[in-house]
Amino acid sequence: MSAAAMIDHVIGFPKQSGKGFAPESVDLEKSYENILEEFKDTESIGRYSLLEQIINELEEMFISCSQENWDGYGANPISENTFLEAISIIIMLNATFLHFPMPEITPEPDGDIAFEWSDDYGRKFVFSIDDNQTLTYAGIFGANDTHGTELLGDFIPASIIYYLKRLYSK
């Protein structure tokens, strides 16, 4: 399948699912890593710098919120799995939405990590990731609102993409 044909089926980069042992798997892994490196090299310096900054903020959040009661009110710790999934989400969002702002990222008392966007018109969209790869989302779009859950697979779910586009597309 050509790269152009893949664009019709894929939005963003998938998260890495693991390493294989067959020679073909090793070759694919190297190709995947090369594509990501080329992406970093061709991306504008400002956007890559922002991505690095957000990943650093996530790391600091994980360190400060990975213990029981991190907020002084009985909060659950952020697990390593939730932290790693949040990094995957940020990388996928960065690849998918180059012209959209990056979200505000906050820890939640239940151990989830939330990603929130808002615009100048009072519209908001937020989703959080938990330890079971469940995305819980809610949005306010003027008089309309939405909420639901999705499982995180290898890509950002279509419903999440739809609501982010609804928030930022003209």
N, C-alpha and C. Protein backbone atom coordinates (compact mmCIF):
# COMPACT_ATOMS: atom_id res chain seq x y z
N MET A 1 0.85 -1.17 0.00
CA MET A 1 0.00 0.00 0.00
C MET A 1 0.89 1.23 0.00
N SER A 2 0.60 2.19 -0.84
CA SER A 2 1.41 3.41 -0.92
C SER A 2 1.12 4.30 0.28
N ALA A 3 2.04 5.25 0.53
CA ALA A 3 1.86 6.20 1.64
C ALA A 3 0.59 7.01 1.43
N ALA A 4 0.32 7.40 0.19
CA ALA A 4 -0.88 8.18 -0.10
C ALA A 4 -2.14 7.39 0.22
N ALA A 5 -2.14 6.12 -0.12
CA ALA A 5 -3.31 5.27 0.16
C ALA A 5 -3.46 5.06 1.66
N MET A 6 -2.36 4.98 2.38
CA MET A 6 -2.44 4.78 3.83
C MET A 6 -3.06 5.99 4.50
N ILE A 7 -2.84 7.20 3.98
CA ILE A 7 -3.38 8.41 4.58
C ILE A 7 -4.90 8.35 4.62
N ASP A 8 -5.51 7.72 3.63
CA ASP A 8 -6.96 7.58 3.61
C ASP A 8 -7.47 6.72 4.76
N HIS A 9 -6.62 5.85 5.30
CA HIS A 9 -7.06 4.91 6.33
C HIS A 9 -6.50 5.23 7.70
N VAL A 10 -5.48 6.04 7.79
CA VAL A 10 -4.78 6.26 9.05
C VAL A 10 -4.78 7.74 9.38
N ILE A 11 -5.06 8.06 10.62
CA ILE A 11 -4.96 9.43 11.08
C ILE A 11 -3.91 9.45 12.18
N GLY A 12 -2.82 10.16 11.95
CA GLY A 12 -1.75 10.23 12.94
C GLY A 12 -0.89 8.99 12.93
N PHE A 13 0.06 8.95 13.81
CA PHE A 13 0.91 7.78 13.95
C PHE A 13 0.32 6.86 15.00
N PRO A 14 0.34 5.55 14.77
CA PRO A 14 -0.15 4.64 15.80
C PRO A 14 0.85 4.57 16.93
N LYS A 15 0.34 4.15 18.09
CA LYS A 15 1.29 3.92 19.16
C LYS A 15 2.03 2.63 18.85
N GLN A 16 3.21 2.51 19.39
CA GLN A 16 4.03 1.33 19.12
C GLN A 16 3.45 0.17 19.92
N SER A 17 3.24 -0.97 19.28
CA SER A 17 2.57 -2.07 19.95
C SER A 17 3.51 -3.13 20.48
N GLY A 18 4.77 -3.05 20.21
CA GLY A 18 5.70 -4.04 20.72
C GLY A 18 6.72 -4.43 19.69
N LYS A 19 7.63 -5.25 20.09
CA LYS A 19 8.72 -5.67 19.22
C LYS A 19 8.50 -7.13 18.82
N GLY A 20 8.75 -7.40 17.55
CA GLY A 20 8.68 -8.77 17.05
C GLY A 20 10.08 -9.34 16.91
N PHE A 21 10.16 -10.59 16.59
CA PHE A 21 11.45 -11.25 16.49
C PHE A 21 11.83 -11.64 15.07
N ALA A 22 10.86 -11.71 14.18
CA ALA A 22 11.14 -12.10 12.80
C ALA A 22 11.96 -10.99 12.12
N PRO A 23 12.79 -11.34 11.13
CA PRO A 23 13.58 -10.32 10.44
C PRO A 23 12.72 -9.21 9.84
N GLU A 24 11.54 -9.58 9.33
CA GLU A 24 10.65 -8.57 8.76
C GLU A 24 10.18 -7.60 9.82
N SER A 25 9.90 -8.12 11.02
CA SER A 25 9.44 -7.28 12.12
C SER A 25 10.53 -6.31 12.55
N VAL A 26 11.76 -6.78 12.60
CA VAL A 26 12.89 -5.92 12.95
C VAL A 26 13.05 -4.82 11.92
N ASP A 27 12.92 -5.17 10.63
CA ASP A 27 13.02 -4.18 9.56
C ASP A 27 11.90 -3.15 9.66
N LEU A 28 10.68 -3.62 9.93
CA LEU A 28 9.56 -2.69 10.08
C LEU A 28 9.77 -1.76 11.26
N GLU A 29 10.29 -2.30 12.35
CA GLU A 29 10.56 -1.49 13.54
C GLU A 29 11.57 -0.39 13.21
N LYS A 30 12.62 -0.73 12.49
CA LYS A 30 13.63 0.27 12.11
C LYS A 30 13.01 1.31 11.18
N SER A 31 12.19 0.88 10.24
CA SER A 31 11.52 1.82 9.34
C SER A 31 10.62 2.77 10.11
N TYR A 32 9.88 2.22 11.06
CA TYR A 32 8.98 3.04 11.89
C TYR A 32 9.78 4.09 12.65
N GLU A 33 10.89 3.68 13.26
CA GLU A 33 11.74 4.62 14.00
C GLU A 33 12.32 5.68 13.07
N ASN A 34 12.71 5.29 11.86
CA ASN A 34 13.24 6.26 10.89
C ASN A 34 12.18 7.27 10.48
N ILE A 35 10.95 6.81 10.27
CA ILE A 35 9.86 7.71 9.91
C ILE A 35 9.63 8.72 11.02
N LEU A 36 9.62 8.26 12.27
CA LEU A 36 9.43 9.19 13.38
C LEU A 36 10.57 10.19 13.48
N GLU A 37 11.79 9.75 13.25
CA GLU A 37 12.94 10.66 13.29
C GLU A 37 12.86 11.68 12.16
N GLU A 38 12.47 11.23 10.97
CA GLU A 38 12.31 12.16 9.84
C GLU A 38 11.21 13.16 10.14
N PHE A 39 10.15 12.68 10.76
CA PHE A 39 9.06 13.58 11.14
C PHE A 39 9.58 14.67 12.06
N LYS A 40 10.37 14.29 13.04
CA LYS A 40 10.94 15.27 13.97
C LYS A 40 11.85 16.26 13.24
N ASP A 41 12.63 15.75 12.29
CA ASP A 41 13.57 16.61 11.56
C ASP A 41 12.86 17.59 10.64
N THR A 42 11.72 17.19 10.06
CA THR A 42 11.04 18.06 9.11
C THR A 42 10.01 18.96 9.77
N GLU A 43 9.67 18.65 10.98
CA GLU A 43 8.68 19.44 11.69
C GLU A 43 9.28 20.78 12.08
N SER A 44 8.44 21.78 12.20
CA SER A 44 8.96 23.09 12.60
C SER A 44 9.56 22.99 13.99
N ILE A 45 10.60 23.76 14.21
CA ILE A 45 11.31 23.71 15.48
C ILE A 45 10.37 24.06 16.62
N GLY A 46 9.50 25.03 16.44
CA GLY A 46 8.59 25.44 17.50
C GLY A 46 7.66 24.33 17.93
N ARG A 47 7.09 23.60 17.00
CA ARG A 47 6.15 22.54 17.34
C ARG A 47 6.86 21.39 18.05
N TYR A 48 8.04 21.01 17.56
CA TYR A 48 8.77 19.92 18.22
C TYR A 48 9.20 20.35 19.62
N SER A 49 9.60 21.59 19.77
CA SER A 49 9.99 22.12 21.07
C SER A 49 8.80 22.06 22.03
N LEU A 50 7.61 22.40 21.53
CA LEU A 50 6.40 22.33 22.34
C LEU A 50 6.10 20.88 22.74
N LEU A 51 6.27 19.96 21.81
CA LEU A 51 6.05 18.54 22.11
C LEU A 51 7.00 18.08 23.22
N GLU A 52 8.27 18.45 23.10
CA GLU A 52 9.24 18.09 24.14
C GLU A 52 8.85 18.70 25.48
N GLN A 53 8.40 19.93 25.47
CA GLN A 53 8.01 20.61 26.70
C GLN A 53 6.83 19.88 27.36
N ILE A 54 5.85 19.50 26.56
CA ILE A 54 4.67 18.81 27.11
C ILE A 54 5.05 17.44 27.66
N ILE A 55 5.92 16.72 26.98
CA ILE A 55 6.36 15.42 27.49
C ILE A 55 7.13 15.61 28.80
N ASN A 56 7.95 16.64 28.88
CA ASN A 56 8.65 16.93 30.14
C ASN A 56 7.66 17.26 31.26
N GLU A 57 6.62 18.03 30.94
CA GLU A 57 5.58 18.34 31.93
C GLU A 57 4.87 17.08 32.39
N LEU A 58 4.60 16.16 31.44
CA LEU A 58 3.98 14.89 31.81
C LEU A 58 4.87 14.09 32.75
N GLU A 59 6.18 14.08 32.47
CA GLU A 59 7.12 13.37 33.33
C GLU A 59 7.12 13.96 34.74
N GLU A 60 7.14 15.29 34.83
CA GLU A 60 7.11 15.94 36.14
C GLU A 60 5.80 15.64 36.86
N MET A 61 4.69 15.64 36.12
CA MET A 61 3.40 15.32 36.70
C MET A 61 3.40 13.89 37.25
N PHE A 62 3.93 12.97 36.47
CA PHE A 62 3.98 11.57 36.89
C PHE A 62 4.80 11.44 38.18
N ILE A 63 5.95 12.08 38.22
CA ILE A 63 6.80 11.99 39.41
C ILE A 63 6.08 12.54 40.64
N SER A 64 5.41 13.68 40.48
CA SER A 64 4.76 14.29 41.64
C SER A 64 3.42 13.65 42.00
N CYS A 65 2.82 12.90 41.09
CA CYS A 65 1.48 12.34 41.33
C CYS A 65 1.45 10.82 41.32
N SER A 66 2.60 10.18 41.48
CA SER A 66 2.64 8.71 41.42
C SER A 66 2.56 8.06 42.80
N GLN A 67 2.31 8.85 43.83
CA GLN A 67 2.15 8.33 45.18
C GLN A 67 0.71 8.50 45.64
N GLU A 68 0.25 7.62 46.53
CA GLU A 68 -1.08 7.77 47.13
C GLU A 68 -1.18 9.14 47.78
N ASN A 69 -2.36 9.75 47.72
CA ASN A 69 -2.65 11.00 48.41
C ASN A 69 -1.77 12.16 47.93
N TRP A 70 -1.40 12.18 46.66
CA TRP A 70 -0.51 13.22 46.14
C TRP A 70 -1.09 14.62 46.25
N ASP A 71 -2.40 14.73 46.37
CA ASP A 71 -3.03 16.05 46.47
C ASP A 71 -3.39 16.44 47.90
N GLY A 72 -3.13 15.54 48.86
CA GLY A 72 -3.49 15.81 50.25
C GLY A 72 -4.95 15.54 50.57
N TYR A 73 -5.72 15.05 49.58
CA TYR A 73 -7.14 14.76 49.77
C TYR A 73 -7.49 13.32 49.39
N GLY A 74 -6.50 12.45 49.42
CA GLY A 74 -6.75 11.03 49.16
C GLY A 74 -6.69 10.61 47.70
N ALA A 75 -6.05 11.39 46.85
CA ALA A 75 -6.00 11.07 45.42
C ALA A 75 -5.27 9.76 45.16
N ASN A 76 -5.75 9.04 44.14
CA ASN A 76 -5.07 7.82 43.70
C ASN A 76 -3.83 8.20 42.89
N PRO A 77 -2.81 7.37 42.93
CA PRO A 77 -1.61 7.68 42.15
C PRO A 77 -1.83 7.47 40.66
N ILE A 78 -1.07 8.20 39.86
CA ILE A 78 -1.05 7.96 38.42
C ILE A 78 -0.12 6.77 38.20
N SER A 79 -0.62 5.76 37.51
CA SER A 79 0.18 4.56 37.26
C SER A 79 1.16 4.80 36.12
N GLU A 80 2.17 3.96 36.07
CA GLU A 80 3.14 4.04 34.98
C GLU A 80 2.45 3.80 33.63
N ASN A 81 1.49 2.86 33.61
CA ASN A 81 0.78 2.57 32.36
C ASN A 81 -0.02 3.79 31.88
N THR A 82 -0.71 4.48 32.80
CA THR A 82 -1.46 5.67 32.42
C THR A 82 -0.52 6.75 31.89
N PHE A 83 0.62 6.93 32.55
CA PHE A 83 1.62 7.90 32.13
C PHE A 83 2.12 7.58 30.71
N LEU A 84 2.45 6.31 30.44
CA LEU A 84 2.95 5.92 29.12
C LEU A 84 1.88 6.09 28.05
N GLU A 85 0.64 5.77 28.38
CA GLU A 85 -0.46 5.98 27.42
C GLU A 85 -0.65 7.47 27.14
N ALA A 86 -0.48 8.31 28.16
CA ALA A 86 -0.61 9.76 27.96
C ALA A 86 0.47 10.26 27.01
N ILE A 87 1.68 9.76 27.13
CA ILE A 87 2.74 10.15 26.20
C ILE A 87 2.39 9.71 24.78
N SER A 88 1.90 8.48 24.64
CA SER A 88 1.48 8.01 23.31
C SER A 88 0.39 8.90 22.73
N ILE A 89 -0.56 9.31 23.56
CA ILE A 89 -1.64 10.18 23.10
C ILE A 89 -1.09 11.51 22.62
N ILE A 90 -0.18 12.09 23.38
CA ILE A 90 0.40 13.39 23.00
C ILE A 90 1.13 13.27 21.66
N ILE A 91 1.87 12.20 21.47
CA ILE A 91 2.59 12.01 20.21
C ILE A 91 1.60 11.83 19.06
N MET A 92 0.54 11.04 19.28
CA MET A 92 -0.47 10.86 18.23
C MET A 92 -1.20 12.16 17.94
N LEU A 93 -1.54 12.93 18.99
CA LEU A 93 -2.21 14.21 18.78
C LEU A 93 -1.31 15.17 18.01
N ASN A 94 -0.04 15.18 18.34
CA ASN A 94 0.90 16.07 17.66
C ASN A 94 0.99 15.74 16.18
N ALA A 95 0.99 14.46 15.84
CA ALA A 95 1.07 14.04 14.44
C ALA A 95 -0.23 14.31 13.70
N THR A 96 -1.36 14.25 14.39
CA THR A 96 -2.66 14.37 13.75
C THR A 96 -3.11 15.82 13.61
N PHE A 97 -2.84 16.63 14.62
CA PHE A 97 -3.39 17.98 14.67
C PHE A 97 -2.27 19.02 14.71
N LEU A 98 -1.51 19.11 13.64
CA LEU A 98 -0.38 20.04 13.61
C LEU A 98 -0.81 21.50 13.75
N HIS A 99 -2.02 21.84 13.35
CA HIS A 99 -2.46 23.23 13.37
C HIS A 99 -3.38 23.54 14.55
N PHE A 100 -3.60 22.59 15.42
CA PHE A 100 -4.43 22.81 16.60
C PHE A 100 -3.52 23.03 17.80
N PRO A 101 -4.00 23.76 18.79
CA PRO A 101 -3.18 23.94 20.00
C PRO A 101 -3.08 22.62 20.77
N MET A 102 -1.98 22.48 21.49
CA MET A 102 -1.84 21.31 22.35
C MET A 102 -2.76 21.52 23.56
N PRO A 103 -3.21 20.43 24.17
CA PRO A 103 -4.15 20.55 25.28
C PRO A 103 -3.47 20.99 26.58
N GLU A 104 -4.29 21.44 27.50
CA GLU A 104 -3.85 21.59 28.88
C GLU A 104 -3.95 20.20 29.49
N ILE A 105 -2.91 19.77 30.16
CA ILE A 105 -2.88 18.41 30.71
C ILE A 105 -2.87 18.50 32.23
N THR A 106 -3.79 17.78 32.87
CA THR A 106 -3.88 17.83 34.32
C THR A 106 -4.06 16.43 34.90
N PRO A 107 -3.52 16.22 36.11
CA PRO A 107 -3.76 14.96 36.80
C PRO A 107 -5.15 15.00 37.43
N GLU A 108 -5.77 13.84 37.54
CA GLU A 108 -7.08 13.77 38.17
C GLU A 108 -6.98 12.93 39.43
N PRO A 109 -7.81 13.22 40.43
CA PRO A 109 -7.72 12.51 41.72
C PRO A 109 -7.96 11.00 41.63
N ASP A 110 -8.60 10.54 40.55
CA ASP A 110 -8.84 9.10 40.41
C ASP A 110 -7.66 8.38 39.75
N GLY A 111 -6.56 9.11 39.47
CA GLY A 111 -5.38 8.51 38.86
C GLY A 111 -5.34 8.64 37.35
N ASP A 112 -6.34 9.27 36.76
CA ASP A 112 -6.37 9.50 35.31
C ASP A 112 -5.55 10.73 34.96
N ILE A 113 -5.27 10.90 33.67
CA ILE A 113 -4.65 12.11 33.16
C ILE A 113 -5.62 12.70 32.15
N ALA A 114 -5.93 14.00 32.32
CA ALA A 114 -6.92 14.67 31.46
C ALA A 114 -6.24 15.59 30.46
N PHE A 115 -6.84 15.68 29.27
CA PHE A 115 -6.41 16.54 28.17
C PHE A 115 -7.58 17.47 27.87
N GLU A 116 -7.36 18.78 27.97
CA GLU A 116 -8.48 19.73 27.82
C GLU A 116 -8.14 20.83 26.81
N TRP A 117 -9.14 21.13 25.99
CA TRP A 117 -9.07 22.22 25.02
C TRP A 117 -10.26 23.13 25.23
N SER A 118 -10.07 24.42 24.98
CA SER A 118 -11.20 25.35 24.98
C SER A 118 -10.91 26.43 23.94
N ASP A 119 -11.97 27.06 23.47
CA ASP A 119 -11.78 28.12 22.48
C ASP A 119 -12.29 29.44 23.03
N ASP A 120 -12.23 30.47 22.24
CA ASP A 120 -12.62 31.81 22.66
C ASP A 120 -14.13 31.98 22.78
N TYR A 121 -14.89 30.99 22.38
CA TYR A 121 -16.34 31.08 22.39
C TYR A 121 -16.98 30.30 23.53
N GLY A 122 -16.17 29.83 24.46
CA GLY A 122 -16.68 29.07 25.61
C GLY A 122 -16.91 27.60 25.34
N ARG A 123 -16.53 27.15 24.16
CA ARG A 123 -16.67 25.72 23.86
C ARG A 123 -15.48 24.98 24.47
N LYS A 124 -15.73 23.77 24.98
CA LYS A 124 -14.67 22.98 25.61
C LYS A 124 -14.80 21.52 25.22
N PHE A 125 -13.65 20.86 25.21
CA PHE A 125 -13.62 19.42 25.02
C PHE A 125 -12.52 18.87 25.90
N VAL A 126 -12.83 17.80 26.62
CA VAL A 126 -11.85 17.19 27.52
C VAL A 126 -12.00 15.68 27.44
N PHE A 127 -10.88 14.98 27.48
CA PHE A 127 -10.93 13.54 27.67
C PHE A 127 -9.82 13.14 28.62
N SER A 128 -10.02 12.00 29.27
CA SER A 128 -9.00 11.49 30.18
C SER A 128 -8.70 10.04 29.84
N ILE A 129 -7.49 9.63 30.19
CA ILE A 129 -7.06 8.24 29.99
C ILE A 129 -6.89 7.61 31.36
N ASP A 130 -7.34 6.37 31.49
CA ASP A 130 -7.16 5.66 32.76
C ASP A 130 -6.22 4.48 32.58
N ASP A 131 -6.06 3.72 33.61
CA ASP A 131 -5.12 2.60 33.62
C ASP A 131 -5.56 1.44 32.72
N ASN A 132 -6.83 1.45 32.31
CA ASN A 132 -7.36 0.38 31.46
C ASN A 132 -7.49 0.80 30.00
N GLN A 133 -6.81 1.87 29.61
CA GLN A 133 -6.85 2.41 28.25
C GLN A 133 -8.24 2.88 27.84
N THR A 134 -9.02 3.31 28.83
CA THR A 134 -10.35 3.85 28.55
C THR A 134 -10.25 5.36 28.49
N LEU A 135 -10.77 5.92 27.41
CA LEU A 135 -10.87 7.36 27.26
C LEU A 135 -12.29 7.77 27.62
N THR A 136 -12.42 8.65 28.60
CA THR A 136 -13.72 9.19 28.97
C THR A 136 -13.73 10.64 28.52
N TYR A 137 -14.75 11.04 27.76
CA TYR A 137 -14.74 12.39 27.19
C TYR A 137 -16.04 13.14 27.46
N ALA A 138 -15.92 14.47 27.40
CA ALA A 138 -17.08 15.35 27.52
C ALA A 138 -16.76 16.62 26.74
N GLY A 139 -17.80 17.20 26.15
CA GLY A 139 -17.63 18.43 25.40
C GLY A 139 -18.83 19.33 25.53
N ILE A 140 -18.57 20.62 25.50
CA ILE A 140 -19.62 21.63 25.48
C ILE A 140 -19.40 22.45 24.22
N PHE A 141 -20.41 22.43 23.35
CA PHE A 141 -20.34 23.13 22.07
C PHE A 141 -21.55 24.06 21.96
N GLY A 142 -21.50 25.18 22.66
CA GLY A 142 -22.64 26.09 22.69
C GLY A 142 -23.78 25.43 23.45
N ALA A 143 -24.94 25.35 22.81
CA ALA A 143 -26.11 24.74 23.46
C ALA A 143 -26.04 23.22 23.45
N ASN A 144 -25.10 22.66 22.73
CA ASN A 144 -24.98 21.20 22.63
C ASN A 144 -23.84 20.70 23.52
N ASP A 145 -24.06 19.52 24.07
CA ASP A 145 -22.97 18.89 24.81
C ASP A 145 -22.92 17.40 24.46
N THR A 146 -21.83 16.78 24.83
CA THR A 146 -21.63 15.37 24.53
C THR A 146 -20.79 14.75 25.62
N HIS A 147 -20.87 13.45 25.72
CA HIS A 147 -20.00 12.70 26.63
C HIS A 147 -20.02 11.23 26.23
N GLY A 148 -19.01 10.50 26.64
CA GLY A 148 -18.96 9.08 26.33
C GLY A 148 -17.63 8.48 26.71
N THR A 149 -17.45 7.24 26.32
CA THR A 149 -16.20 6.53 26.57
C THR A 149 -15.79 5.79 25.30
N GLU A 150 -14.51 5.63 25.14
CA GLU A 150 -13.92 4.88 24.03
C GLU A 150 -12.71 4.13 24.56
N LEU A 151 -12.36 3.04 23.93
CA LEU A 151 -11.12 2.36 24.25
C LEU A 151 -10.02 2.87 23.33
N LEU A 152 -8.85 3.11 23.91
CA LEU A 152 -7.71 3.55 23.12
C LEU A 152 -7.10 2.34 22.45
N GLY A 153 -7.04 2.37 21.15
CA GLY A 153 -6.38 1.31 20.40
C GLY A 153 -5.05 1.84 19.90
N ASP A 154 -4.73 1.52 18.67
CA ASP A 154 -3.47 1.99 18.07
C ASP A 154 -3.57 3.42 17.55
N PHE A 155 -4.79 3.97 17.50
CA PHE A 155 -5.00 5.32 17.02
C PHE A 155 -5.97 6.03 17.95
N ILE A 156 -5.98 7.36 17.86
CA ILE A 156 -6.99 8.15 18.58
C ILE A 156 -8.35 7.77 18.00
N PRO A 157 -9.33 7.42 18.83
CA PRO A 157 -10.65 7.03 18.31
C PRO A 157 -11.29 8.13 17.46
N ALA A 158 -12.06 7.70 16.48
CA ALA A 158 -12.69 8.62 15.53
C ALA A 158 -13.59 9.65 16.22
N SER A 159 -14.29 9.25 17.29
CA SER A 159 -15.18 10.20 17.97
C SER A 159 -14.38 11.34 18.60
N ILE A 160 -13.21 11.05 19.16
CA ILE A 160 -12.36 12.08 19.76
C ILE A 160 -11.89 13.04 18.66
N ILE A 161 -11.47 12.49 17.55
CA ILE A 161 -11.01 13.31 16.42
C ILE A 161 -12.16 14.20 15.92
N TYR A 162 -13.35 13.63 15.82
CA TYR A 162 -14.51 14.39 15.38
C TYR A 162 -14.74 15.61 16.27
N TYR A 163 -14.73 15.40 17.59
CA TYR A 163 -15.02 16.51 18.50
C TYR A 163 -13.91 17.54 18.53
N LEU A 164 -12.65 17.12 18.38
CA LEU A 164 -11.55 18.10 18.30
C LEU A 164 -11.67 18.93 17.03
N LYS A 165 -12.02 18.28 15.93
CA LYS A 165 -12.22 19.03 14.68
C LYS A 165 -13.41 19.97 14.80
N ARG A 166 -14.44 19.52 15.48
CA ARG A 166 -15.62 20.37 15.68
C ARG A 166 -15.23 21.61 16.50
N LEU A 167 -14.33 21.46 17.43
CA LEU A 167 -13.92 22.57 18.27
C LEU A 167 -13.06 23.57 17.51
N TYR A 168 -12.16 23.07 16.63
CA TYR A 168 -11.18 23.94 16.02
C TYR A 168 -11.30 24.16 14.51
N SER A 169 -12.07 23.37 13.81
CA SER A 169 -12.20 23.59 12.37
C SER A 169 -13.19 24.70 12.10
N LYS A 170 -12.85 25.48 11.13
CA LYS A 170 -13.72 26.62 10.77
C LYS A 170 -14.82 26.17 9.85
